[in-house]
Amino acid sequence: MATRYCIRCGAGTEDARLSFCPRCGTAYAGQGQEPAPRPADTADDPSAYIRVGPTRLPRLLPVALLAVLVAAGTAVGVTLANRDDDTGPPPSTLASFSSPAFEDTATESVPTGPEPELPTEPTEPEETQEAQDTETAASVVESYYADLNAGDFGAAWDRGGSNIATEQTYDEWVSGFRTTRSITVDATDDGFDEVDVYITSTLTDGTTERYQGTYTVTDGEITAAEIQQAP
């Protein structure tokens, strides 16, 4: 069954029994009867509508759509303008990006302690070095008698006593000093190995004995002796 459209409002119907538009009451083409009364909801002014094919649209609809588009465009423009004016995030946001990890510490002073002392080679006492530097043949003889006065017979034996007492054992040589309390010696050398000595020996009974002669010193050791009792 064909659909009929109203020439006034564009409403369509498939009911062939109707002679008038059920919306606006306009007679269909070929109908000569008086139009039926318009329903209350179709009493609108025909000039307020436009017909688009079989559809009738309000004439103000395009204006409303244009107004909506204009308003939307204005809102977008304001938003972009505000964004262009901003030079950076708000202060609170900037503060959130600060981190002590990026602080410049190049100029901070670093505490320094005293510089470590480098290890040095052990040095002998100054007096010992001076003694070695100034050791002469005469000083070797004086050291020999200093060992005897101190009772360090082993040191005196090694300093040359073993070379003097060639016919004695160490014990026999030591026993020869049992009656000796102290010994003084006046030793001079000629800058070489020969040492002239004058010896005074004080015994345990208080008496003294005097000797004189020469010692031969080689490489810091007494190697020979020619000693005789002084008159």
C-alpha atoms as a PDB file:
ATOM      1  CA  MET A   1       0.000   0.000   0.000  1.00  0.00           C
ATOM      2  CA  ALA A   2       1.420   3.420  -1.034  1.00  0.00           C
ATOM      3  CA  THR A   3       2.248   6.066   1.537  1.00  0.00           C
ATOM      4  CA  ARG A   4       0.636   9.464   1.115  1.00  0.00           C
ATOM      5  CA  TYR A   5       2.382  12.681   2.263  1.00  0.00           C
ATOM      6  CA  CYS A   6       0.756  15.879   3.349  1.00  0.00           C
ATOM      7  CA  ILE A   7       1.600  18.791   1.062  1.00  0.00           C
ATOM      8  CA  ARG A   8       1.576  21.155   4.037  1.00  0.00           C
ATOM      9  CA  CYS A   9       3.410  19.504   6.934  1.00  0.00           C
ATOM     10  CA  GLY A  10       4.974  16.532   5.125  1.00  0.00           C
ATOM     11  CA  ALA A  11       3.506  13.920   7.436  1.00  0.00           C
ATOM     12  CA  GLY A  12       2.974  10.538   5.789  1.00  0.00           C
ATOM     13  CA  THR A  13       0.320   7.845   6.242  1.00  0.00           C
ATOM     14  CA  GLU A  14      -0.554   4.492   4.728  1.00  0.00           C
ATOM     15  CA  ASP A  15      -4.242   4.630   5.743  1.00  0.00           C
ATOM     16  CA  ALA A  16      -6.127   5.089   2.424  1.00  0.00           C
ATOM     17  CA  ARG A  17      -9.347   5.794   4.241  1.00  0.00           C
ATOM     18  CA  LEU A  18      -8.099   9.143   5.524  1.00  0.00           C
ATOM     19  CA  SER A  19      -8.958  12.146   3.417  1.00  0.00           C
ATOM     20  CA  PHE A  20      -7.181  14.689   5.629  1.00  0.00           C
ATOM     21  CA  CYS A  21      -3.704  14.808   7.223  1.00  0.00           C
ATOM     22  CA  PRO A  22      -4.006  13.521  10.764  1.00  0.00           C
ATOM     23  CA  ARG A  23      -1.403  16.095  11.878  1.00  0.00           C
ATOM     24  CA  CYS A  24      -2.423  19.395  10.333  1.00  0.00           C
ATOM     25  CA  GLY A  25      -5.873  18.554   8.805  1.00  0.00           C
ATOM     26  CA  THR A  26      -4.922  19.476   5.224  1.00  0.00           C
ATOM     27  CA  ALA A  27      -6.860  17.554   2.564  1.00  0.00           C
ATOM     28  CA  TYR A  28      -4.884  15.114   0.539  1.00  0.00           C
ATOM     29  CA  ALA A  29      -4.649  15.733  -3.192  1.00  0.00           C
ATOM     30  CA  GLY A  30      -7.927  14.945  -5.015  1.00  0.00           C
ATOM     31  CA  GLN A  31     -10.022  15.328  -1.856  1.00  0.00           C
ATOM     32  CA  GLY A  32     -12.668  18.094  -1.915  1.00  0.00           C
ATOM     33  CA  GLN A  33     -13.979  17.886   1.582  1.00  0.00           C
ATOM     34  CA  GLU A  34     -13.396  20.515   4.245  1.00  0.00           C
ATOM     35  CA  PRO A  35     -10.332  19.978   6.306  1.00  0.00           C
ATOM     36  CA  ALA A  36     -10.842  18.323   9.594  1.00  0.00           C
ATOM     37  CA  PRO A  37     -10.029  20.294  12.727  1.00  0.00           C
ATOM     38  CA  ARG A  38      -6.251  20.386  13.473  1.00  0.00           C
ATOM     39  CA  PRO A  39      -5.170  18.521  16.505  1.00  0.00           C
ATOM     40  CA  ALA A  40      -3.954  20.594  19.385  1.00  0.00           C
ATOM     41  CA  ASP A  41      -0.326  19.392  18.996  1.00  0.00           C
ATOM     42  CA  THR A  42      -0.305  20.345  15.246  1.00  0.00           C
ATOM     43  CA  ALA A  43      -1.555  23.903  15.530  1.00  0.00           C
ATOM     44  CA  ASP A  44       1.968  25.262  14.945  1.00  0.00           C
ATOM     45  CA  ASP A  45       2.574  27.966  12.402  1.00  0.00           C
ATOM     46  CA  PRO A  46       3.542  26.351   9.036  1.00  0.00           C
ATOM     47  CA  SER A  47       6.064  29.144   8.468  1.00  0.00           C
ATOM     48  CA  ALA A  48       8.051  27.935  11.494  1.00  0.00           C
ATOM     49  CA  TYR A  49       9.054  24.727   9.673  1.00  0.00           C
ATOM     50  CA  ILE A  50      11.023  23.782   6.578  1.00  0.00           C
ATOM     51  CA  ARG A  51      10.522  20.625   4.602  1.00  0.00           C
ATOM     52  CA  VAL A  52      13.462  18.341   3.921  1.00  0.00           C
ATOM     53  CA  GLY A  53      12.108  15.527   1.768  1.00  0.00           C
ATOM     54  CA  PRO A  54       9.284  13.909   3.678  1.00  0.00           C
ATOM     55  CA  THR A  55      10.599  15.433   6.980  1.00  0.00           C
ATOM     56  CA  ARG A  56       9.583  18.811   8.346  1.00  0.00           C
ATOM     57  CA  LEU A  57      12.186  20.551  10.474  1.00  0.00           C
ATOM     58  CA  PRO A  58      11.878  23.712  12.588  1.00  0.00           C
ATOM     59  CA  ARG A  59      13.252  26.769  10.820  1.00  0.00           C
ATOM     60  CA  LEU A  60      15.187  27.784  13.981  1.00  0.00           C
ATOM     61  CA  LEU A  61      17.126  24.506  14.092  1.00  0.00           C
ATOM     62  CA  PRO A  62      19.996  25.678  11.842  1.00  0.00           C
ATOM     63  CA  VAL A  63      20.249  28.886  13.895  1.00  0.00           C
ATOM     64  CA  ALA A  64      20.452  26.874  17.117  1.00  0.00           C
ATOM     65  CA  LEU A  65      23.126  24.611  15.647  1.00  0.00           C
ATOM     66  CA  LEU A  66      25.116  27.645  14.493  1.00  0.00           C
ATOM     67  CA  ALA A  67      24.873  29.186  17.960  1.00  0.00           C
ATOM     68  CA  VAL A  68      26.166  25.955  19.519  1.00  0.00           C
ATOM     69  CA  LEU A  69      29.111  25.860  17.117  1.00  0.00           C
ATOM     70  CA  VAL A  70      29.956  29.480  17.767  1.00  0.00           C
ATOM     71  CA  ALA A  71      29.848  28.926  21.535  1.00  0.00           C
ATOM     72  CA  ALA A  72      32.054  25.840  21.239  1.00  0.00           C
ATOM     73  CA  GLY A  73      34.551  27.723  19.075  1.00  0.00           C
ATOM     74  CA  THR A  74      34.664  30.582  21.569  1.00  0.00           C
ATOM     75  CA  ALA A  75      35.360  28.190  24.451  1.00  0.00           C
ATOM     76  CA  VAL A  76      38.182  26.527  22.520  1.00  0.00           C
ATOM     77  CA  GLY A  77      39.706  29.910  21.684  1.00  0.00           C
ATOM     78  CA  VAL A  78      39.649  31.024  25.316  1.00  0.00           C
ATOM     79  CA  THR A  79      41.284  27.784  26.415  1.00  0.00           C
ATOM     80  CA  LEU A  80      44.085  28.144  23.853  1.00  0.00           C
ATOM     81  CA  ALA A  81      44.632  31.777  24.802  1.00  0.00           C
ATOM     82  CA  ASN A  82      44.974  30.888  28.458  1.00  0.00           C
ATOM     83  CA  ARG A  83      47.418  28.132  27.615  1.00  0.00           C
ATOM     84  CA  ASP A  84      49.564  30.499  25.540  1.00  0.00           C
ATOM     85  CA  ASP A  85      49.717  32.972  28.441  1.00  0.00           C
ATOM     86  CA  ASP A  86      51.055  30.360  30.842  1.00  0.00           C
ATOM     87  CA  THR A  87      54.861  30.336  30.962  1.00  0.00           C
ATOM     88  CA  GLY A  88      55.186  27.290  33.109  1.00  0.00           C
ATOM     89  CA  PRO A  89      53.506  25.135  35.669  1.00  0.00           C
ATOM     90  CA  PRO A  90      52.221  26.703  38.886  1.00  0.00           C
ATOM     91  CA  PRO A  91      54.740  27.237  41.677  1.00  0.00           C
ATOM     92  CA  SER A  92      53.524  24.209  43.578  1.00  0.00           C
ATOM     93  CA  THR A  93      54.210  22.043  40.526  1.00  0.00           C
ATOM     94  CA  LEU A  94      57.652  23.538  40.052  1.00  0.00           C
ATOM     95  CA  ALA A  95      58.449  22.859  43.662  1.00  0.00           C
ATOM     96  CA  SER A  96      57.552  19.219  43.215  1.00  0.00           C
ATOM     97  CA  PHE A  97      60.266  18.830  40.560  1.00  0.00           C
ATOM     98  CA  SER A  98      63.088  20.127  42.706  1.00  0.00           C
ATOM     99  CA  SER A  99      65.317  17.403  43.980  1.00  0.00           C
ATOM    100  CA  PRO A 100      68.488  17.543  46.053  1.00  0.00           C
ATOM    101  CA  ALA A 101      69.964  14.970  43.706  1.00  0.00           C
ATOM    102  CA  PHE A 102      70.511  17.714  41.098  1.00  0.00           C
ATOM    103  CA  GLU A 103      72.054  20.306  43.415  1.00  0.00           C
ATOM    104  CA  ASP A 104      75.481  21.564  42.401  1.00  0.00           C
ATOM    105  CA  THR A 105      77.958  20.226  44.903  1.00  0.00           C
ATOM    106  CA  ALA A 106      81.084  21.226  42.977  1.00  0.00           C
ATOM    107  CA  THR A 107      81.745  24.177  45.282  1.00  0.00           C
ATOM    108  CA  GLU A 108      81.072  22.394  48.542  1.00  0.00           C
ATOM    109  CA  SER A 109      84.152  22.057  50.679  1.00  0.00           C
ATOM    110  CA  VAL A 110      85.256  18.538  51.407  1.00  0.00           C
ATOM    111  CA  PRO A 111      86.649  18.041  54.885  1.00  0.00           C
ATOM    112  CA  THR A 112      90.234  16.924  54.742  1.00  0.00           C
ATOM    113  CA  GLY A 113      92.238  15.403  57.499  1.00  0.00           C
ATOM    114  CA  PRO A 114      95.978  15.462  58.010  1.00  0.00           C
ATOM    115  CA  GLU A 115      97.944  13.914  55.199  1.00  0.00           C
ATOM    116  CA  PRO A 116      99.091  10.398  56.056  1.00  0.00           C
ATOM    117  CA  GLU A 117     102.746  10.119  56.838  1.00  0.00           C
ATOM    118  CA  LEU A 118     104.675   8.001  54.407  1.00  0.00           C
ATOM    119  CA  PRO A 119     106.600   5.120  55.930  1.00  0.00           C
ATOM    120  CA  THR A 120     110.277   5.840  56.241  1.00  0.00           C
ATOM    121  CA  GLU A 121     113.159   3.496  56.523  1.00  0.00           C
ATOM    122  CA  PRO A 122     114.281   2.874  60.079  1.00  0.00           C
ATOM    123  CA  THR A 123     117.263   4.944  60.995  1.00  0.00           C
ATOM    124  CA  GLU A 124     119.852   4.244  63.600  1.00  0.00           C
ATOM    125  CA  PRO A 125     120.162   6.594  66.568  1.00  0.00           C
ATOM    126  CA  GLU A 126     122.041   9.756  65.763  1.00  0.00           C
ATOM    127  CA  GLU A 127     124.716   8.980  68.302  1.00  0.00           C
ATOM    128  CA  THR A 128     125.363   5.583  66.726  1.00  0.00           C
ATOM    129  CA  GLN A 129     125.722   7.130  63.293  1.00  0.00           C
ATOM    130  CA  GLU A 130     128.097   9.755  64.639  1.00  0.00           C
ATOM    131  CA  ALA A 131     130.100   7.050  66.342  1.00  0.00           C
ATOM    132  CA  GLN A 132     130.382   5.104  63.079  1.00  0.00           C
ATOM    133  CA  ASP A 133     131.312   8.226  61.145  1.00  0.00           C
ATOM    134  CA  THR A 134     134.000   9.235  63.653  1.00  0.00           C
ATOM    135  CA  GLU A 135     135.296   5.740  64.551  1.00  0.00           C
ATOM    136  CA  THR A 136     139.036   5.608  64.477  1.00  0.00           C
ATOM    137  CA  ALA A 137     141.612   3.033  65.426  1.00  0.00           C
ATOM    138  CA  ALA A 138     142.020   4.715  68.801  1.00  0.00           C
ATOM    139  CA  SER A 139     138.258   4.647  69.443  1.00  0.00           C
ATOM    140  CA  VAL A 140     138.196   0.911  68.760  1.00  0.00           C
ATOM    141  CA  VAL A 141     140.767   0.378  71.514  1.00  0.00           C
ATOM    142  CA  GLU A 142     138.842   2.636  73.877  1.00  0.00           C
ATOM    143  CA  SER A 143     135.638   0.641  73.195  1.00  0.00           C
ATOM    144  CA  TYR A 144     137.533  -2.574  73.937  1.00  0.00           C
ATOM    145  CA  TYR A 145     138.463  -1.350  77.413  1.00  0.00           C
ATOM    146  CA  ALA A 146     134.958   0.067  77.970  1.00  0.00           C
ATOM    147  CA  ASP A 147     133.577  -3.458  77.427  1.00  0.00           C
ATOM    148  CA  LEU A 148     136.055  -4.833  79.998  1.00  0.00           C
ATOM    149  CA  ASN A 149     135.052  -2.224  82.608  1.00  0.00           C
ATOM    150  CA  ALA A 150     131.372  -3.046  82.001  1.00  0.00           C
ATOM    151  CA  GLY A 151     132.030  -6.762  82.501  1.00  0.00           C
ATOM    152  CA  ASP A 152     130.930  -7.480  78.908  1.00  0.00           C
ATOM    153  CA  PHE A 153     133.765  -9.857  78.210  1.00  0.00           C
ATOM    154  CA  GLY A 154     132.010 -11.411  75.249  1.00  0.00           C
ATOM    155  CA  ALA A 155     131.917  -8.108  73.398  1.00  0.00           C
ATOM    156  CA  ALA A 156     135.582  -7.429  74.283  1.00  0.00           C
ATOM    157  CA  TRP A 157     136.531 -10.919  73.092  1.00  0.00           C
ATOM    158  CA  ASP A 158     134.820 -10.290  69.746  1.00  0.00           C
ATOM    159  CA  ARG A 159     136.362  -6.802  69.437  1.00  0.00           C
ATOM    160  CA  GLY A 160     139.839  -8.272  69.487  1.00  0.00           C
ATOM    161  CA  GLY A 161     140.445 -10.108  72.739  1.00  0.00           C
ATOM    162  CA  SER A 162     140.512 -13.419  70.857  1.00  0.00           C
ATOM    163  CA  ASN A 163     143.334 -12.083  68.639  1.00  0.00           C
ATOM    164  CA  ILE A 164     145.415 -10.983  71.647  1.00  0.00           C
ATOM    165  CA  ALA A 165     145.010 -14.093  73.851  1.00  0.00           C
ATOM    166  CA  THR A 166     146.137 -16.526  71.214  1.00  0.00           C
ATOM    167  CA  GLU A 167     147.465 -18.993  73.758  1.00  0.00           C
ATOM    168  CA  GLN A 168     144.437 -18.832  76.070  1.00  0.00           C
ATOM    169  CA  THR A 169     140.906 -20.052  75.956  1.00  0.00           C
ATOM    170  CA  TYR A 170     138.065 -17.623  76.492  1.00  0.00           C
ATOM    171  CA  ASP A 171     137.593 -18.749  80.118  1.00  0.00           C
ATOM    172  CA  GLU A 172     141.308 -18.464  80.854  1.00  0.00           C
ATOM    173  CA  TRP A 173     141.383 -14.998  79.352  1.00  0.00           C
ATOM    174  CA  VAL A 174     138.374 -13.892  81.419  1.00  0.00           C
ATOM    175  CA  SER A 175     139.879 -15.283  84.657  1.00  0.00           C
ATOM    176  CA  GLY A 176     142.880 -13.008  84.139  1.00  0.00           C
ATOM    177  CA  PHE A 177     140.664 -10.030  85.036  1.00  0.00           C
ATOM    178  CA  ARG A 178     139.388 -11.444  88.376  1.00  0.00           C
ATOM    179  CA  THR A 179     141.582  -9.146  90.436  1.00  0.00           C
ATOM    180  CA  THR A 180     141.003  -6.075  88.222  1.00  0.00           C
ATOM    181  CA  ARG A 181     138.570  -3.421  89.461  1.00  0.00           C
ATOM    182  CA  SER A 182     138.833  -0.916  86.586  1.00  0.00           C
ATOM    183  CA  ILE A 183     141.038   0.065  83.677  1.00  0.00           C
ATOM    184  CA  THR A 184     141.745   3.446  82.138  1.00  0.00           C
ATOM    185  CA  VAL A 185     143.414   3.893  78.779  1.00  0.00           C
ATOM    186  CA  ASP A 186     144.914   6.843  76.941  1.00  0.00           C
ATOM    187  CA  ALA A 187     144.884   5.937  73.236  1.00  0.00           C
ATOM    188  CA  THR A 188     146.196   7.934  70.255  1.00  0.00           C
ATOM    189  CA  ASP A 189     146.633   6.946  66.666  1.00  0.00           C
ATOM    190  CA  ASP A 190     148.586   8.311  63.742  1.00  0.00           C
ATOM    191  CA  GLY A 191     145.571   8.269  61.477  1.00  0.00           C
ATOM    192  CA  PHE A 192     146.242   4.723  60.394  1.00  0.00           C
ATOM    193  CA  ASP A 193     146.086   1.318  62.103  1.00  0.00           C
ATOM    194  CA  GLU A 194     148.696   1.781  64.837  1.00  0.00           C
ATOM    195  CA  VAL A 195     147.424   2.998  68.231  1.00  0.00           C
ATOM    196  CA  ASP A 196     149.753   4.099  71.037  1.00  0.00           C
ATOM    197  CA  VAL A 197     148.300   3.361  74.475  1.00  0.00           C
ATOM    198  CA  TYR A 198     149.086   4.125  78.105  1.00  0.00           C
ATOM    199  CA  ILE A 199     147.058   1.883  80.472  1.00  0.00           C
ATOM    200  CA  THR A 200     146.384   2.194  84.209  1.00  0.00           C
ATOM    201  CA  SER A 201     144.827  -0.858  85.866  1.00  0.00           C
ATOM    202  CA  THR A 202     143.370  -0.552  89.374  1.00  0.00           C
ATOM    203  CA  LEU A 203     143.208  -3.868  91.197  1.00  0.00           C
ATOM    204  CA  THR A 204     140.712  -5.019  93.787  1.00  0.00           C
ATOM    205  CA  ASP A 205     143.229  -4.452  96.625  1.00  0.00           C
ATOM    206  CA  GLY A 206     143.524  -0.793  95.646  1.00  0.00           C
ATOM    207  CA  THR A 207     146.917  -1.038  94.020  1.00  0.00           C
ATOM    208  CA  THR A 208     147.551   0.124  90.455  1.00  0.00           C
ATOM    209  CA  GLU A 209     149.567  -1.254  87.577  1.00  0.00           C
ATOM    210  CA  ARG A 210     150.643   0.667  84.474  1.00  0.00           C
ATOM    211  CA  TYR A 211     151.242  -0.600  80.969  1.00  0.00           C
ATOM    212  CA  GLN A 212     152.206   0.947  77.630  1.00  0.00           C
ATOM    213  CA  GLY A 213     152.567  -0.211  74.069  1.00  0.00           C
ATOM    214  CA  THR A 214     150.709  -0.359  70.736  1.00  0.00           C
ATOM    215  CA  TYR A 215     147.638  -1.997  69.251  1.00  0.00           C
ATOM    216  CA  THR A 216     147.020  -2.749  65.594  1.00  0.00           C
ATOM    217  CA  VAL A 217     143.444  -2.191  64.428  1.00  0.00           C
ATOM    218  CA  THR A 218     142.095  -3.566  61.140  1.00  0.00           C
ATOM    219  CA  ASP A 219     138.501  -3.082  59.943  1.00  0.00           C
ATOM    220  CA  GLY A 220     137.274  -1.994  63.399  1.00  0.00           C
ATOM    221  CA  GLU A 221     138.887  -4.940  65.237  1.00  0.00           C
ATOM    222  CA  ILE A 222     142.100  -5.268  67.272  1.00  0.00           C
ATOM    223  CA  THR A 223     144.282  -7.740  65.395  1.00  0.00           C
ATOM    224  CA  ALA A 224     147.565  -7.463  67.268  1.00  0.00           C
ATOM    225  CA  ALA A 225     149.076  -6.008  70.459  1.00  0.00           C
ATOM    226  CA  GLU A 226     152.539  -5.258  71.884  1.00  0.00           C
ATOM    227  CA  ILE A 227     151.973  -4.309  75.518  1.00  0.00           C
ATOM    228  CA  GLN A 228     154.512  -4.263  78.359  1.00  0.00           C
ATOM    229  CA  GLN A 229     154.471  -3.036  81.936  1.00  0.00           C
ATOM    230  CA  ALA A 230     155.631   0.538  82.336  1.00  0.00           C
ATOM    231  CA  PRO A 231     158.524   1.327  84.739  1.00  0.00           C
END
